[in-house]
């Protein structure tokens, strides 16, 4: 959680009283809505976790996507002409427009269905299509520069999981790379990072964007969508979802040859998710149910059980 001194310094720089702010969330409680008449969103970041150059790269890509018709949250320059606003030597903040949209809820049958799944696929397809034409001013993180992957040997994990990480890393180096299958991805495209305004889907939280395979972006969508139903319902639901998703995706990006790698990346996502939560979850706030879920995930991974016992294709 962001301490009160840092929060108050940010609000003071913006000339906004704390009474006109609201915590929105973020993995570390670092995202706030600020303002009274004109509201926008502020994210407070630590340099050690989010290097400034990487953050600038993320914001420039967001601006590019927005300018090319992809419905994403737009970064703002709230003071001067810079995206990055310094707080002290360790922390800084960035700002985004406030989207007056509604969060996606899997139990909301007015939204959760074929039409929404197709629009979701269309949005991801357009993002990948636009990514192919993007020439960044600043270098973006490559998949092998991911913080989790860089620190894997020092994370207190089951040795079998460490070995699996090393195996995946070797497999990644064997995968083909081309403009059609590899580029900048969102990196965390679960439904919690979507907002709905009318019929439009807006994507938020690009904090995990990196150079990776497009198949991983799609696999993340499927992994998290599968968690919304019981294991007994997964095959029928996931295959129905994927059919609708692909119908939308190909409207914007017709090359789906990389889809053959989706099953591989779904299993990788489970390993990544378990490792990430083991590393970053606040042990003082984790619930008994969440702890049991993590133990179940670990057992499944160690025993090499695929996350889905069927292929999505």
C-alpha atoms as a PDB file:
ATOM      1  CA  UNK A   1       0.000   0.000   0.000  1.00  0.00           C
ATOM      2  CA  UNK A   2       1.108   3.555  -0.723  1.00  0.00           C
ATOM      3  CA  UNK A   3       1.873   5.419   2.489  1.00  0.00           C
ATOM      4  CA  UNK A   4      -0.026   8.563   3.450  1.00  0.00           C
ATOM      5  CA  UNK A   5       2.956  10.902   3.036  1.00  0.00           C
ATOM      6  CA  UNK A   6       3.477   9.884  -0.586  1.00  0.00           C
ATOM      7  CA  UNK A   7      -0.241  10.091  -1.383  1.00  0.00           C
ATOM      8  CA  UNK A   8      -0.575  13.540   0.151  1.00  0.00           C
ATOM      9  CA  UNK A   9       2.483  14.776  -1.764  1.00  0.00           C
ATOM     10  CA  UNK A  10       0.911  13.654  -5.045  1.00  0.00           C
ATOM     11  CA  UNK A  11      -2.421  15.280  -4.243  1.00  0.00           C
ATOM     12  CA  UNK A  12      -0.627  18.491  -3.161  1.00  0.00           C
ATOM     13  CA  UNK A  13       1.327  18.635  -6.441  1.00  0.00           C
ATOM     14  CA  UNK A  14      -1.952  18.350  -8.313  1.00  0.00           C
ATOM     15  CA  UNK A  15      -3.656  20.941  -6.106  1.00  0.00           C
ATOM     16  CA  UNK A  16      -6.376  18.477  -5.194  1.00  0.00           C
ATOM     17  CA  UNK A  17      -7.554  17.986  -1.586  1.00  0.00           C
ATOM     18  CA  UNK A  18      -7.560  14.382  -0.281  1.00  0.00           C
ATOM     19  CA  UNK A  19     -11.340  14.640   0.090  1.00  0.00           C
ATOM     20  CA  UNK A  20     -11.588  14.763  -3.718  1.00  0.00           C
ATOM     21  CA  UNK A  21      -9.720  11.483  -4.190  1.00  0.00           C
ATOM     22  CA  UNK A  22     -10.750   7.849  -4.121  1.00  0.00           C
ATOM     23  CA  UNK A  23      -8.753   4.633  -4.052  1.00  0.00           C
ATOM     24  CA  UNK A  24      -9.580   2.572  -7.143  1.00  0.00           C
ATOM     25  CA  UNK A  25      -7.284  -0.365  -6.475  1.00  0.00           C
ATOM     26  CA  UNK A  26      -4.187  -1.648  -8.208  1.00  0.00           C
ATOM     27  CA  UNK A  27      -2.259  -4.703  -7.048  1.00  0.00           C
ATOM     28  CA  UNK A  28      -0.559  -2.555  -4.385  1.00  0.00           C
ATOM     29  CA  UNK A  29      -3.335  -0.055  -3.711  1.00  0.00           C
ATOM     30  CA  UNK A  30      -1.598   2.541  -5.868  1.00  0.00           C
ATOM     31  CA  UNK A  31      -4.339   3.699  -8.273  1.00  0.00           C
ATOM     32  CA  UNK A  32      -6.566   6.668  -7.405  1.00  0.00           C
ATOM     33  CA  UNK A  33      -9.366   8.664  -8.946  1.00  0.00           C
ATOM     34  CA  UNK A  34      -8.735  12.373  -8.342  1.00  0.00           C
ATOM     35  CA  UNK A  35     -10.577  15.625  -9.004  1.00  0.00           C
ATOM     36  CA  UNK A  36     -14.034  17.021  -8.385  1.00  0.00           C
ATOM     37  CA  UNK A  37     -15.517  18.380 -11.619  1.00  0.00           C
ATOM     38  CA  UNK A  38     -12.979  16.896 -14.028  1.00  0.00           C
ATOM     39  CA  UNK A  39     -11.818  13.522 -12.792  1.00  0.00           C
ATOM     40  CA  UNK A  40      -8.769  11.570 -13.917  1.00  0.00           C
ATOM     41  CA  UNK A  41      -6.781   8.573 -12.687  1.00  0.00           C
ATOM     42  CA  UNK A  42      -3.376   8.646 -11.000  1.00  0.00           C
ATOM     43  CA  UNK A  43      -1.039   5.693 -10.584  1.00  0.00           C
ATOM     44  CA  UNK A  44       1.809   5.948  -8.067  1.00  0.00           C
ATOM     45  CA  UNK A  45       4.876   3.856  -8.943  1.00  0.00           C
ATOM     46  CA  UNK A  46       8.228   2.888  -7.458  1.00  0.00           C
ATOM     47  CA  UNK A  47      11.303   3.283  -9.640  1.00  0.00           C
ATOM     48  CA  UNK A  48      12.774  -0.003  -8.385  1.00  0.00           C
ATOM     49  CA  UNK A  49       9.743  -1.918  -9.621  1.00  0.00           C
ATOM     50  CA  UNK A  50       8.698   0.252 -12.579  1.00  0.00           C
ATOM     51  CA  UNK A  51      11.750   1.860 -14.219  1.00  0.00           C
ATOM     52  CA  UNK A  52      10.963   5.266 -15.682  1.00  0.00           C
ATOM     53  CA  UNK A  53      12.126   4.369 -19.194  1.00  0.00           C
ATOM     54  CA  UNK A  54       9.830   1.342 -19.262  1.00  0.00           C
ATOM     55  CA  UNK A  55       6.918   3.459 -18.064  1.00  0.00           C
ATOM     56  CA  UNK A  56       7.527   6.079 -20.758  1.00  0.00           C
ATOM     57  CA  UNK A  57       7.563   3.293 -23.363  1.00  0.00           C
ATOM     58  CA  UNK A  58       4.222   2.023 -22.071  1.00  0.00           C
ATOM     59  CA  UNK A  59       2.619   5.474 -22.170  1.00  0.00           C
ATOM     60  CA  UNK A  60       3.908   6.228 -25.678  1.00  0.00           C
ATOM     61  CA  UNK A  61       2.474   2.939 -26.928  1.00  0.00           C
ATOM     62  CA  UNK A  62      -0.866   3.723 -25.290  1.00  0.00           C
ATOM     63  CA  UNK A  63      -0.919   7.080 -27.060  1.00  0.00           C
ATOM     64  CA  UNK A  64      -0.129   5.350 -30.378  1.00  0.00           C
ATOM     65  CA  UNK A  65      -2.878   2.761 -29.924  1.00  0.00           C
ATOM     66  CA  UNK A  66      -5.361   5.499 -29.009  1.00  0.00           C
ATOM     67  CA  UNK A  67      -4.403   7.554 -32.079  1.00  0.00           C
ATOM     68  CA  UNK A  68      -4.974   4.497 -34.293  1.00  0.00           C
ATOM     69  CA  UNK A  69      -8.492   3.835 -33.105  1.00  0.00           C
ATOM     70  CA  UNK A  70      -7.868   1.219 -30.408  1.00  0.00           C
ATOM     71  CA  UNK A  71     -10.121   1.889 -27.425  1.00  0.00           C
ATOM     72  CA  UNK A  72      -7.577   2.184 -24.627  1.00  0.00           C
ATOM     73  CA  UNK A  73      -7.248   4.448 -21.641  1.00  0.00           C
ATOM     74  CA  UNK A  74      -5.406   7.606 -22.768  1.00  0.00           C
ATOM     75  CA  UNK A  75      -2.309   8.824 -20.862  1.00  0.00           C
ATOM     76  CA  UNK A  76      -2.323  12.469 -19.748  1.00  0.00           C
ATOM     77  CA  UNK A  77       0.283  15.156 -19.270  1.00  0.00           C
ATOM     78  CA  UNK A  78      -1.193  16.831 -16.199  1.00  0.00           C
ATOM     79  CA  UNK A  79       1.768  19.107 -15.458  1.00  0.00           C
ATOM     80  CA  UNK A  80       3.933  20.580 -18.207  1.00  0.00           C
ATOM     81  CA  UNK A  81       4.705  18.414 -21.236  1.00  0.00           C
ATOM     82  CA  UNK A  82       5.877  15.271 -19.471  1.00  0.00           C
ATOM     83  CA  UNK A  83       4.052  12.038 -18.696  1.00  0.00           C
ATOM     84  CA  UNK A  84       6.287  11.276 -15.694  1.00  0.00           C
ATOM     85  CA  UNK A  85       5.761  13.383 -12.563  1.00  0.00           C
ATOM     86  CA  UNK A  86       8.435  13.037  -9.898  1.00  0.00           C
ATOM     87  CA  UNK A  87       7.559  12.665  -6.234  1.00  0.00           C
ATOM     88  CA  UNK A  88      11.011  11.893  -4.806  1.00  0.00           C
ATOM     89  CA  UNK A  89      14.066   9.852  -5.757  1.00  0.00           C
ATOM     90  CA  UNK A  90      12.189   6.576  -5.268  1.00  0.00           C
ATOM     91  CA  UNK A  91       8.674   7.275  -6.549  1.00  0.00           C
ATOM     92  CA  UNK A  92       6.772   9.051  -9.309  1.00  0.00           C
ATOM     93  CA  UNK A  93       3.246   9.152 -10.683  1.00  0.00           C
ATOM     94  CA  UNK A  94       1.500   9.075 -14.042  1.00  0.00           C
ATOM     95  CA  UNK A  95      -2.032  10.063 -15.037  1.00  0.00           C
ATOM     96  CA  UNK A  96      -4.726   8.710 -17.332  1.00  0.00           C
ATOM     97  CA  UNK A  97      -8.118   9.873 -18.501  1.00  0.00           C
ATOM     98  CA  UNK A  98     -11.037   8.649 -16.423  1.00  0.00           C
ATOM     99  CA  UNK A  99     -13.229   6.249 -18.397  1.00  0.00           C
ATOM    100  CA  UNK A 100     -16.858   6.429 -17.327  1.00  0.00           C
ATOM    101  CA  UNK A 101     -17.363   2.756 -18.022  1.00  0.00           C
ATOM    102  CA  UNK A 102     -18.593  -0.194 -16.040  1.00  0.00           C
ATOM    103  CA  UNK A 103     -16.419  -3.131 -14.968  1.00  0.00           C
ATOM    104  CA  UNK A 104     -17.126  -6.440 -16.656  1.00  0.00           C
ATOM    105  CA  UNK A 105     -18.913  -8.966 -14.432  1.00  0.00           C
ATOM    106  CA  UNK A 106     -19.218 -12.597 -15.569  1.00  0.00           C
ATOM    107  CA  UNK A 107     -22.602 -12.887 -13.823  1.00  0.00           C
ATOM    108  CA  UNK A 108     -24.062  -9.933 -15.760  1.00  0.00           C
ATOM    109  CA  UNK A 109     -25.982 -11.710 -18.507  1.00  0.00           C
ATOM    110  CA  UNK A 110     -26.821  -8.391 -20.182  1.00  0.00           C
ATOM    111  CA  UNK A 111     -23.137  -8.168 -21.185  1.00  0.00           C
ATOM    112  CA  UNK A 112     -21.586 -11.601 -20.743  1.00  0.00           C
ATOM    113  CA  UNK A 113     -22.371 -13.418 -23.974  1.00  0.00           C
ATOM    114  CA  UNK A 114     -21.571 -14.022 -27.643  1.00  0.00           C
ATOM    115  CA  UNK A 115     -21.736 -10.399 -28.811  1.00  0.00           C
ATOM    116  CA  UNK A 116     -19.407  -9.227 -26.032  1.00  0.00           C
ATOM    117  CA  UNK A 117     -16.974 -12.090 -26.656  1.00  0.00           C
ATOM    118  CA  UNK A 118     -16.804 -11.167 -30.356  1.00  0.00           C
ATOM    119  CA  UNK A 119     -16.144  -7.500 -29.554  1.00  0.00           C
ATOM    120  CA  UNK A 120     -13.435  -8.596 -27.112  1.00  0.00           C
ATOM    121  CA  UNK A 121     -11.780 -10.651 -29.855  1.00  0.00           C
ATOM    122  CA  UNK A 122     -12.105  -7.784 -32.330  1.00  0.00           C
ATOM    123  CA  UNK A 123     -10.423  -5.405 -29.902  1.00  0.00           C
ATOM    124  CA  UNK A 124      -7.494  -7.794 -29.287  1.00  0.00           C
ATOM    125  CA  UNK A 125      -7.146  -8.409 -33.021  1.00  0.00           C
ATOM    126  CA  UNK A 126      -6.978  -4.672 -33.702  1.00  0.00           C
ATOM    127  CA  UNK A 127      -4.427  -4.165 -30.944  1.00  0.00           C
ATOM    128  CA  UNK A 128      -2.191  -6.866 -32.428  1.00  0.00           C
ATOM    129  CA  UNK A 129      -2.662  -5.474 -35.938  1.00  0.00           C
ATOM    130  CA  UNK A 130      -1.688  -1.944 -34.847  1.00  0.00           C
ATOM    131  CA  UNK A 131       1.254  -3.381 -32.880  1.00  0.00           C
ATOM    132  CA  UNK A 132       2.749  -4.653 -36.146  1.00  0.00           C
ATOM    133  CA  UNK A 133       3.108  -1.108 -37.496  1.00  0.00           C
ATOM    134  CA  UNK A 134       4.493   0.465 -34.321  1.00  0.00           C
ATOM    135  CA  UNK A 135       8.085   1.732 -34.263  1.00  0.00           C
ATOM    136  CA  UNK A 136       8.762   2.777 -30.657  1.00  0.00           C
ATOM    137  CA  UNK A 137      10.907   5.751 -29.691  1.00  0.00           C
ATOM    138  CA  UNK A 138      11.982   3.950 -26.522  1.00  0.00           C
ATOM    139  CA  UNK A 139      12.834   0.289 -26.154  1.00  0.00           C
ATOM    140  CA  UNK A 140      10.180  -1.944 -24.618  1.00  0.00           C
ATOM    141  CA  UNK A 141      10.844  -4.870 -22.316  1.00  0.00           C
ATOM    142  CA  UNK A 142      11.455  -8.151 -24.099  1.00  0.00           C
ATOM    143  CA  UNK A 143       9.832 -11.285 -22.677  1.00  0.00           C
ATOM    144  CA  UNK A 144      13.175 -12.429 -21.217  1.00  0.00           C
ATOM    145  CA  UNK A 145      13.479  -9.132 -19.284  1.00  0.00           C
ATOM    146  CA  UNK A 146      10.299  -9.775 -17.313  1.00  0.00           C
ATOM    147  CA  UNK A 147      10.957  -9.169 -13.608  1.00  0.00           C
ATOM    148  CA  UNK A 148       9.672 -12.598 -12.579  1.00  0.00           C
ATOM    149  CA  UNK A 149      11.824 -14.382 -15.137  1.00  0.00           C
ATOM    150  CA  UNK A 150      14.934 -12.390 -14.233  1.00  0.00           C
ATOM    151  CA  UNK A 151      14.559 -13.220 -10.533  1.00  0.00           C
ATOM    152  CA  UNK A 152      13.357 -16.790 -10.806  1.00  0.00           C
ATOM    153  CA  UNK A 153      16.475 -18.343  -9.299  1.00  0.00           C
ATOM    154  CA  UNK A 154      16.172 -16.202  -6.160  1.00  0.00           C
ATOM    155  CA  UNK A 155      12.437 -16.745  -5.573  1.00  0.00           C
ATOM    156  CA  UNK A 156      11.673 -19.244  -2.777  1.00  0.00           C
ATOM    157  CA  UNK A 157       9.856 -21.760  -4.980  1.00  0.00           C
ATOM    158  CA  UNK A 158       9.568 -25.527  -5.133  1.00  0.00           C
ATOM    159  CA  UNK A 159      12.698 -26.701  -7.051  1.00  0.00           C
ATOM    160  CA  UNK A 160      10.427 -28.468  -9.536  1.00  0.00           C
ATOM    161  CA  UNK A 161       8.834 -25.144 -10.401  1.00  0.00           C
ATOM    162  CA  UNK A 162      12.237 -23.552 -10.911  1.00  0.00           C
ATOM    163  CA  UNK A 163      13.053 -26.360 -13.312  1.00  0.00           C
ATOM    164  CA  UNK A 164       9.785 -25.775 -15.171  1.00  0.00           C
ATOM    165  CA  UNK A 165      10.617 -22.103 -15.542  1.00  0.00           C
ATOM    166  CA  UNK A 166      13.962 -23.019 -17.065  1.00  0.00           C
ATOM    167  CA  UNK A 167      12.266 -25.478 -19.407  1.00  0.00           C
ATOM    168  CA  UNK A 168       9.796 -22.866 -20.603  1.00  0.00           C
ATOM    169  CA  UNK A 169      12.620 -20.398 -21.140  1.00  0.00           C
ATOM    170  CA  UNK A 170      14.417 -22.902 -23.384  1.00  0.00           C
ATOM    171  CA  UNK A 171      11.190 -23.551 -25.305  1.00  0.00           C
ATOM    172  CA  UNK A 172      10.625 -19.829 -25.826  1.00  0.00           C
ATOM    173  CA  UNK A 173      13.999 -19.485 -27.524  1.00  0.00           C
ATOM    174  CA  UNK A 174      12.917 -22.180 -30.005  1.00  0.00           C
ATOM    175  CA  UNK A 175       9.689 -20.395 -31.000  1.00  0.00           C
ATOM    176  CA  UNK A 176       9.636 -18.580 -34.349  1.00  0.00           C
ATOM    177  CA  UNK A 177       9.555 -14.791 -34.290  1.00  0.00           C
ATOM    178  CA  UNK A 178       8.021 -12.705 -37.062  1.00  0.00           C
ATOM    179  CA  UNK A 179       5.977  -9.551 -37.424  1.00  0.00           C
ATOM    180  CA  UNK A 180       2.893 -11.758 -37.746  1.00  0.00           C
ATOM    181  CA  UNK A 181       3.263 -13.607 -34.441  1.00  0.00           C
ATOM    182  CA  UNK A 182       5.368 -11.401 -32.161  1.00  0.00           C
ATOM    183  CA  UNK A 183       5.199  -7.801 -30.970  1.00  0.00           C
ATOM    184  CA  UNK A 184       3.989  -5.562 -28.185  1.00  0.00           C
ATOM    185  CA  UNK A 185       1.212  -7.202 -26.183  1.00  0.00           C
ATOM    186  CA  UNK A 186      -0.947  -6.062 -23.277  1.00  0.00           C
ATOM    187  CA  UNK A 187       0.211  -8.950 -21.116  1.00  0.00           C
ATOM    188  CA  UNK A 188      -2.736  -9.079 -18.691  1.00  0.00           C
ATOM    189  CA  UNK A 189      -5.906  -9.140 -20.794  1.00  0.00           C
ATOM    190  CA  UNK A 190      -8.314 -10.625 -18.274  1.00  0.00           C
ATOM    191  CA  UNK A 191     -11.849  -9.239 -18.037  1.00  0.00           C
ATOM    192  CA  UNK A 192     -10.920  -7.190 -14.965  1.00  0.00           C
ATOM    193  CA  UNK A 193      -8.897  -4.900 -17.234  1.00  0.00           C
ATOM    194  CA  UNK A 194     -11.870  -4.095 -19.462  1.00  0.00           C
ATOM    195  CA  UNK A 195     -14.468  -1.371 -19.050  1.00  0.00           C
ATOM    196  CA  UNK A 196     -17.790  -1.258 -20.902  1.00  0.00           C
ATOM    197  CA  UNK A 197     -19.370   1.958 -22.181  1.00  0.00           C
ATOM    198  CA  UNK A 198     -22.420   1.176 -24.265  1.00  0.00           C
ATOM    199  CA  UNK A 199     -21.183  -1.289 -26.880  1.00  0.00           C
ATOM    200  CA  UNK A 200     -17.554  -0.215 -26.606  1.00  0.00           C
ATOM    201  CA  UNK A 201     -14.820  -2.069 -24.720  1.00  0.00           C
ATOM    202  CA  UNK A 202     -11.971   0.025 -23.325  1.00  0.00           C
ATOM    203  CA  UNK A 203      -8.747  -1.639 -22.202  1.00  0.00           C
ATOM    204  CA  UNK A 204      -6.984  -0.388 -19.084  1.00  0.00           C
ATOM    205  CA  UNK A 205      -3.832  -1.242 -17.092  1.00  0.00           C
ATOM    206  CA  UNK A 206      -0.974  -1.785 -19.537  1.00  0.00           C
ATOM    207  CA  UNK A 207       1.527  -2.268 -16.716  1.00  0.00           C
ATOM    208  CA  UNK A 208       2.541  -5.722 -17.981  1.00  0.00           C
ATOM    209  CA  UNK A 209       3.003  -4.812 -21.651  1.00  0.00           C
ATOM    210  CA  UNK A 210       6.104  -6.307 -23.236  1.00  0.00           C
ATOM    211  CA  UNK A 211       7.472  -7.758 -26.451  1.00  0.00           C
ATOM    212  CA  UNK A 212       6.020 -11.246 -26.545  1.00  0.00           C
ATOM    213  CA  UNK A 213       4.143 -13.684 -28.730  1.00  0.00           C
ATOM    214  CA  UNK A 214       0.584 -12.679 -29.649  1.00  0.00           C
ATOM    215  CA  UNK A 215      -0.473 -16.200 -28.700  1.00  0.00           C
ATOM    216  CA  UNK A 216       0.338 -15.387 -25.072  1.00  0.00           C
ATOM    217  CA  UNK A 217      -2.072 -12.435 -25.072  1.00  0.00           C
ATOM    218  CA  UNK A 218      -4.855 -14.717 -26.331  1.00  0.00           C
ATOM    219  CA  UNK A 219      -3.877 -17.480 -23.886  1.00  0.00           C
ATOM    220  CA  UNK A 220      -4.192 -15.032 -20.980  1.00  0.00           C
ATOM    221  CA  UNK A 221      -7.736 -14.211 -22.066  1.00  0.00           C
ATOM    222  CA  UNK A 222      -8.658 -17.910 -22.184  1.00  0.00           C
ATOM    223  CA  UNK A 223      -6.918 -18.797 -18.916  1.00  0.00           C
ATOM    224  CA  UNK A 224      -8.851 -16.188 -16.955  1.00  0.00           C
ATOM    225  CA  UNK A 225     -12.144 -16.776 -18.749  1.00  0.00           C
ATOM    226  CA  UNK A 226     -11.905 -20.472 -17.809  1.00  0.00           C
ATOM    227  CA  UNK A 227     -11.660 -19.542 -14.138  1.00  0.00           C
ATOM    228  CA  UNK A 228     -15.154 -18.047 -14.242  1.00  0.00           C
ATOM    229  CA  UNK A 229     -16.808 -21.477 -14.474  1.00  0.00           C
ATOM    230  CA  UNK A 230     -16.417 -24.824 -12.717  1.00  0.00           C
ATOM    231  CA  UNK A 231     -13.991 -27.417 -14.049  1.00  0.00           C
ATOM    232  CA  UNK A 232     -16.947 -29.509 -15.187  1.00  0.00           C
ATOM    233  CA  UNK A 233     -18.250 -26.654 -17.350  1.00  0.00           C
ATOM    234  CA  UNK A 234     -14.937 -25.494 -18.783  1.00  0.00           C
ATOM    235  CA  UNK A 235     -14.660 -27.425 -22.024  1.00  0.00           C
ATOM    236  CA  UNK A 236     -18.101 -26.464 -23.309  1.00  0.00           C
ATOM    237  CA  UNK A 237     -17.835 -22.860 -22.151  1.00  0.00           C
ATOM    238  CA  UNK A 238     -14.243 -22.205 -23.269  1.00  0.00           C
ATOM    239  CA  UNK A 239     -14.779 -23.671 -26.740  1.00  0.00           C
ATOM    240  CA  UNK A 240     -17.962 -21.629 -27.196  1.00  0.00           C
ATOM    241  CA  UNK A 241     -16.188 -18.490 -25.957  1.00  0.00           C
ATOM    242  CA  UNK A 242     -13.169 -19.075 -28.187  1.00  0.00           C
ATOM    243  CA  UNK A 243     -15.348 -19.557 -31.266  1.00  0.00           C
ATOM    244  CA  UNK A 244     -16.988 -16.166 -30.683  1.00  0.00           C
ATOM    245  CA  UNK A 245     -13.683 -14.520 -29.752  1.00  0.00           C
ATOM    246  CA  UNK A 246     -12.016 -15.723 -32.979  1.00  0.00           C
ATOM    247  CA  UNK A 247     -14.942 -14.509 -35.089  1.00  0.00           C
ATOM    248  CA  UNK A 248     -14.198 -11.026 -33.787  1.00  0.00           C
ATOM    249  CA  UNK A 249     -10.402 -11.346 -33.834  1.00  0.00           C
ATOM    250  CA  UNK A 250     -10.127 -12.160 -37.551  1.00  0.00           C
ATOM    251  CA  UNK A 251     -12.060  -9.029 -38.503  1.00  0.00           C
ATOM    252  CA  UNK A 252      -8.994  -7.033 -37.486  1.00  0.00           C
ATOM    253  CA  UNK A 253      -6.129  -9.524 -37.761  1.00  0.00           C
ATOM    254  CA  UNK A 254      -6.624 -12.291 -40.296  1.00  0.00           C
ATOM    255  CA  UNK A 255      -3.367 -14.153 -39.573  1.00  0.00           C
ATOM    256  CA  UNK A 256      -4.112 -16.715 -36.876  1.00  0.00           C
ATOM    257  CA  UNK A 257      -1.364 -19.230 -37.685  1.00  0.00           C
ATOM    258  CA  UNK A 258       0.150 -18.577 -34.250  1.00  0.00           C
ATOM    259  CA  UNK A 259      -2.991 -19.936 -32.556  1.00  0.00           C
ATOM    260  CA  UNK A 260      -1.332 -23.371 -32.570  1.00  0.00           C
ATOM    261  CA  UNK A 261       0.771 -22.184 -29.601  1.00  0.00           C
ATOM    262  CA  UNK A 262      -2.159 -21.094 -27.428  1.00  0.00           C
ATOM    263  CA  UNK A 263      -2.406 -24.340 -25.407  1.00  0.00           C
ATOM    264  CA  UNK A 264       1.317 -24.119 -24.614  1.00  0.00           C
ATOM    265  CA  UNK A 265       0.932 -20.555 -23.368  1.00  0.00           C
ATOM    266  CA  UNK A 266      -2.172 -21.348 -21.290  1.00  0.00           C
ATOM    267  CA  UNK A 267      -0.122 -23.772 -19.201  1.00  0.00           C
ATOM    268  CA  UNK A 268       2.686 -21.237 -18.986  1.00  0.00           C
ATOM    269  CA  UNK A 269       0.184 -18.664 -17.717  1.00  0.00           C
ATOM    270  CA  UNK A 270      -0.731 -20.898 -14.802  1.00  0.00           C
ATOM    271  CA  UNK A 271       2.927 -21.185 -13.805  1.00  0.00           C
ATOM    272  CA  UNK A 272       3.404 -17.437 -14.202  1.00  0.00           C
ATOM    273  CA  UNK A 273       0.282 -16.605 -12.173  1.00  0.00           C
ATOM    274  CA  UNK A 274       1.248 -18.907  -9.332  1.00  0.00           C
ATOM    275  CA  UNK A 275       4.785 -17.512  -9.235  1.00  0.00           C
ATOM    276  CA  UNK A 276       3.624 -13.892  -9.427  1.00  0.00           C
ATOM    277  CA  UNK A 277       1.145 -14.244  -6.568  1.00  0.00           C
ATOM    278  CA  UNK A 278       3.681 -16.166  -4.485  1.00  0.00           C
ATOM    279  CA  UNK A 279       6.132 -13.314  -4.984  1.00  0.00           C
ATOM    280  CA  UNK A 280       3.919 -10.245  -4.654  1.00  0.00           C
ATOM    281  CA  UNK A 281       0.788 -11.156  -2.695  1.00  0.00           C
ATOM    282  CA  UNK A 282       0.526  -9.468   0.709  1.00  0.00           C
ATOM    283  CA  UNK A 283       0.700 -12.451   3.083  1.00  0.00           C
ATOM    284  CA  UNK A 284      -1.119 -10.423   5.739  1.00  0.00           C
ATOM    285  CA  UNK A 285      -4.144  -9.896   3.494  1.00  0.00           C
ATOM    286  CA  UNK A 286      -4.414 -13.230   1.722  1.00  0.00           C
ATOM    287  CA  UNK A 287      -7.537 -15.201   2.624  1.00  0.00           C
ATOM    288  CA  UNK A 288      -7.758 -18.872   3.523  1.00  0.00           C
ATOM    289  CA  UNK A 289      -9.612 -19.549   0.282  1.00  0.00           C
ATOM    290  CA  UNK A 290      -6.921 -17.813  -1.762  1.00  0.00           C
ATOM    291  CA  UNK A 291      -4.243 -19.780   0.047  1.00  0.00           C
ATOM    292  CA  UNK A 292      -6.010 -23.049  -0.752  1.00  0.00           C
ATOM    293  CA  UNK A 293      -6.312 -21.972  -4.390  1.00  0.00           C
ATOM    294  CA  UNK A 294      -2.560 -21.310  -4.566  1.00  0.00           C
ATOM    295  CA  UNK A 295      -1.813 -24.724  -3.041  1.00  0.00           C
ATOM    296  CA  UNK A 296      -4.099 -26.352  -5.595  1.00  0.00           C
ATOM    297  CA  UNK A 297      -2.362 -24.456  -8.403  1.00  0.00           C
ATOM    298  CA  UNK A 298       1.049 -25.576  -7.175  1.00  0.00           C
ATOM    299  CA  UNK A 299       0.006 -29.220  -6.942  1.00  0.00           C
ATOM    300  CA  UNK A 300      -1.434 -29.090 -10.446  1.00  0.00           C
ATOM    301  CA  UNK A 301       1.729 -27.544 -11.887  1.00  0.00           C
ATOM    302  CA  UNK A 302       4.131 -29.871 -10.046  1.00  0.00           C
ATOM    303  CA  UNK A 303       2.159 -32.910 -11.189  1.00  0.00           C
ATOM    304  CA  UNK A 304       2.245 -31.513 -14.758  1.00  0.00           C
ATOM    305  CA  UNK A 305      -1.509 -31.530 -15.142  1.00  0.00           C
ATOM    306  CA  UNK A 306      -2.512 -29.221 -17.991  1.00  0.00           C
ATOM    307  CA  UNK A 307      -4.678 -26.321 -16.900  1.00  0.00           C
ATOM    308  CA  UNK A 308      -7.275 -27.392 -19.464  1.00  0.00           C
ATOM    309  CA  UNK A 309      -7.709 -31.096 -20.161  1.00  0.00           C
ATOM    310  CA  UNK A 310      -8.642 -30.321 -23.761  1.00  0.00           C
ATOM    311  CA  UNK A 311      -7.304 -28.229 -26.650  1.00  0.00           C
ATOM    312  CA  UNK A 312      -9.000 -24.916 -27.387  1.00  0.00           C
ATOM    313  CA  UNK A 313      -8.534 -25.405 -31.149  1.00  0.00           C
END
